[in-house]
């Protein structure tokens, strides 16, 4: 499994979460109070959380599906948040070696 995250500075995080939830629908998106959303897709799972100053996105998918999931979620966020971001920058989670 591969895990990626993105941190977007914005005061409109709850608004973008609401748009994502509406777009993906109740069958795939589980939202809570506009500050958190979990999207379950065949590609993998994505979670969005908003604070007063940022939107944080994290996702997990198989190594073969993670690229498609990053593109899918990233493209939607870039369209919804065009005032705040021009591109979503993804960072891969790495597990420390023991």
C-alpha atoms as a PDB file:
ATOM      1  CA  UNK A   1       0.000   0.000   0.000  1.00  0.00           C
ATOM      2  CA  UNK A   2       1.108   3.541  -0.738  1.00  0.00           C
ATOM      3  CA  UNK A   3       0.183   6.577   1.352  1.00  0.00           C
ATOM      4  CA  UNK A   4       0.348  10.228   0.334  1.00  0.00           C
ATOM      5  CA  UNK A   5      -0.703  13.528   1.879  1.00  0.00           C
ATOM      6  CA  UNK A   6      -1.030  17.167   0.880  1.00  0.00           C
ATOM      7  CA  UNK A   7      -1.311  20.330   2.961  1.00  0.00           C
ATOM      8  CA  UNK A   8      -3.080  23.309   1.362  1.00  0.00           C
ATOM      9  CA  UNK A   9      -3.060  26.725   3.026  1.00  0.00           C
ATOM     10  CA  UNK A  10      -6.595  28.079   2.770  1.00  0.00           C
ATOM     11  CA  UNK A  11      -9.347  29.531   4.909  1.00  0.00           C
ATOM     12  CA  UNK A  12     -11.923  27.865   2.653  1.00  0.00           C
ATOM     13  CA  UNK A  13     -11.217  24.256   3.658  1.00  0.00           C
ATOM     14  CA  UNK A  14     -14.740  23.459   4.882  1.00  0.00           C
ATOM     15  CA  UNK A  15     -16.172  24.811   1.651  1.00  0.00           C
ATOM     16  CA  UNK A  16     -13.921  22.582  -0.449  1.00  0.00           C
ATOM     17  CA  UNK A  17     -14.771  19.562   1.687  1.00  0.00           C
ATOM     18  CA  UNK A  18     -18.470  20.263   1.142  1.00  0.00           C
ATOM     19  CA  UNK A  19     -17.911  20.474  -2.623  1.00  0.00           C
ATOM     20  CA  UNK A  20     -15.953  17.204  -2.672  1.00  0.00           C
ATOM     21  CA  UNK A  21     -18.640  15.434  -0.618  1.00  0.00           C
ATOM     22  CA  UNK A  22     -21.397  16.709  -2.888  1.00  0.00           C
ATOM     23  CA  UNK A  23     -19.461  15.713  -5.978  1.00  0.00           C
ATOM     24  CA  UNK A  24     -18.696  12.155  -4.885  1.00  0.00           C
ATOM     25  CA  UNK A  25     -22.097  11.639  -3.300  1.00  0.00           C
ATOM     26  CA  UNK A  26     -23.312   9.910  -0.180  1.00  0.00           C
ATOM     27  CA  UNK A  27     -22.495   6.437  -1.490  1.00  0.00           C
ATOM     28  CA  UNK A  28     -18.765   7.171  -1.594  1.00  0.00           C
ATOM     29  CA  UNK A  29     -18.236  10.155   0.718  1.00  0.00           C
ATOM     30  CA  UNK A  30     -18.861  10.236   4.445  1.00  0.00           C
ATOM     31  CA  UNK A  31     -18.739  13.789   5.768  1.00  0.00           C
ATOM     32  CA  UNK A  32     -18.939  15.209   9.261  1.00  0.00           C
ATOM     33  CA  UNK A  33     -19.740  18.868   9.974  1.00  0.00           C
ATOM     34  CA  UNK A  34     -17.827  20.228   6.978  1.00  0.00           C
ATOM     35  CA  UNK A  35     -14.461  19.788   8.677  1.00  0.00           C
ATOM     36  CA  UNK A  36     -13.875  16.136   7.819  1.00  0.00           C
ATOM     37  CA  UNK A  37     -14.653  13.846   4.909  1.00  0.00           C
ATOM     38  CA  UNK A  38     -13.690  10.280   4.066  1.00  0.00           C
ATOM     39  CA  UNK A  39     -14.060   9.107   0.492  1.00  0.00           C
ATOM     40  CA  UNK A  40     -14.102   5.371  -0.209  1.00  0.00           C
ATOM     41  CA  UNK A  41     -13.464   4.515  -3.845  1.00  0.00           C
ATOM     42  CA  UNK A  42     -12.478   1.336  -5.643  1.00  0.00           C
ATOM     43  CA  UNK A  43      -9.070   2.956  -6.173  1.00  0.00           C
ATOM     44  CA  UNK A  44      -8.512   3.531  -2.449  1.00  0.00           C
ATOM     45  CA  UNK A  45      -9.453   5.763   0.446  1.00  0.00           C
ATOM     46  CA  UNK A  46      -9.001   9.508   0.898  1.00  0.00           C
ATOM     47  CA  UNK A  47      -9.528  11.674   3.989  1.00  0.00           C
ATOM     48  CA  UNK A  48      -9.840  15.457   4.047  1.00  0.00           C
ATOM     49  CA  UNK A  49      -9.805  17.597   7.178  1.00  0.00           C
ATOM     50  CA  UNK A  50     -10.060  21.365   7.488  1.00  0.00           C
ATOM     51  CA  UNK A  51      -8.905  23.870  10.068  1.00  0.00           C
ATOM     52  CA  UNK A  52      -9.175  27.666  10.058  1.00  0.00           C
ATOM     53  CA  UNK A  53      -5.998  27.944   7.996  1.00  0.00           C
ATOM     54  CA  UNK A  54      -5.514  24.739   6.020  1.00  0.00           C
ATOM     55  CA  UNK A  55      -6.934  21.748   4.242  1.00  0.00           C
ATOM     56  CA  UNK A  56      -5.139  18.444   4.801  1.00  0.00           C
ATOM     57  CA  UNK A  57      -5.623  15.532   2.456  1.00  0.00           C
ATOM     58  CA  UNK A  58      -4.352  12.017   3.061  1.00  0.00           C
ATOM     59  CA  UNK A  59      -4.882   8.926   0.967  1.00  0.00           C
ATOM     60  CA  UNK A  60      -4.046   5.269   0.810  1.00  0.00           C
ATOM     61  CA  UNK A  61      -4.229   2.911  -2.161  1.00  0.00           C
ATOM     62  CA  UNK A  62      -2.365   0.044  -3.761  1.00  0.00           C
ATOM     63  CA  UNK A  63       0.867   1.029  -5.451  1.00  0.00           C
ATOM     64  CA  UNK A  64      -0.776   0.445  -8.823  1.00  0.00           C
ATOM     65  CA  UNK A  65      -3.816   2.647  -8.055  1.00  0.00           C
ATOM     66  CA  UNK A  66      -2.253   5.489  -6.058  1.00  0.00           C
ATOM     67  CA  UNK A  67      -1.353   7.537  -9.144  1.00  0.00           C
ATOM     68  CA  UNK A  68      -4.930   7.477 -10.412  1.00  0.00           C
ATOM     69  CA  UNK A  69      -6.284   8.377  -6.970  1.00  0.00           C
ATOM     70  CA  UNK A  70      -3.854  11.303  -6.615  1.00  0.00           C
ATOM     71  CA  UNK A  71      -4.893  12.583 -10.053  1.00  0.00           C
ATOM     72  CA  UNK A  72      -8.602  12.162  -9.361  1.00  0.00           C
ATOM     73  CA  UNK A  73      -8.635  13.952  -6.010  1.00  0.00           C
ATOM     74  CA  UNK A  74      -5.957  16.481  -6.984  1.00  0.00           C
ATOM     75  CA  UNK A  75      -7.753  17.515 -10.174  1.00  0.00           C
ATOM     76  CA  UNK A  76     -11.030  18.024  -8.333  1.00  0.00           C
ATOM     77  CA  UNK A  77      -9.372  20.094  -5.615  1.00  0.00           C
ATOM     78  CA  UNK A  78      -7.538  22.215  -8.183  1.00  0.00           C
ATOM     79  CA  UNK A  79     -10.842  22.992  -9.925  1.00  0.00           C
ATOM     80  CA  UNK A  80     -12.737  23.706  -6.703  1.00  0.00           C
ATOM     81  CA  UNK A  81      -9.881  25.677  -5.064  1.00  0.00           C
ATOM     82  CA  UNK A  82      -8.548  27.554  -8.082  1.00  0.00           C
ATOM     83  CA  UNK A  83      -8.468  30.768  -6.019  1.00  0.00           C
ATOM     84  CA  UNK A  84      -6.108  29.196  -3.478  1.00  0.00           C
ATOM     85  CA  UNK A  85      -4.019  26.626  -5.302  1.00  0.00           C
ATOM     86  CA  UNK A  86      -2.638  25.980  -8.745  1.00  0.00           C
ATOM     87  CA  UNK A  87      -1.445  22.446  -8.078  1.00  0.00           C
ATOM     88  CA  UNK A  88      -1.722  19.950  -5.243  1.00  0.00           C
ATOM     89  CA  UNK A  89       1.737  18.899  -4.040  1.00  0.00           C
ATOM     90  CA  UNK A  90       1.707  15.318  -2.757  1.00  0.00           C
ATOM     91  CA  UNK A  91       4.141  13.948  -0.169  1.00  0.00           C
ATOM     92  CA  UNK A  92       4.619  10.231   0.320  1.00  0.00           C
ATOM     93  CA  UNK A  93       4.456   8.749   3.804  1.00  0.00           C
ATOM     94  CA  UNK A  94       7.515   6.717   4.568  1.00  0.00           C
ATOM     95  CA  UNK A  95       7.781   4.197   7.339  1.00  0.00           C
ATOM     96  CA  UNK A  96      10.954   4.410   9.410  1.00  0.00           C
ATOM     97  CA  UNK A  97      13.324   1.503   9.118  1.00  0.00           C
ATOM     98  CA  UNK A  98      13.959  -0.320  12.356  1.00  0.00           C
END
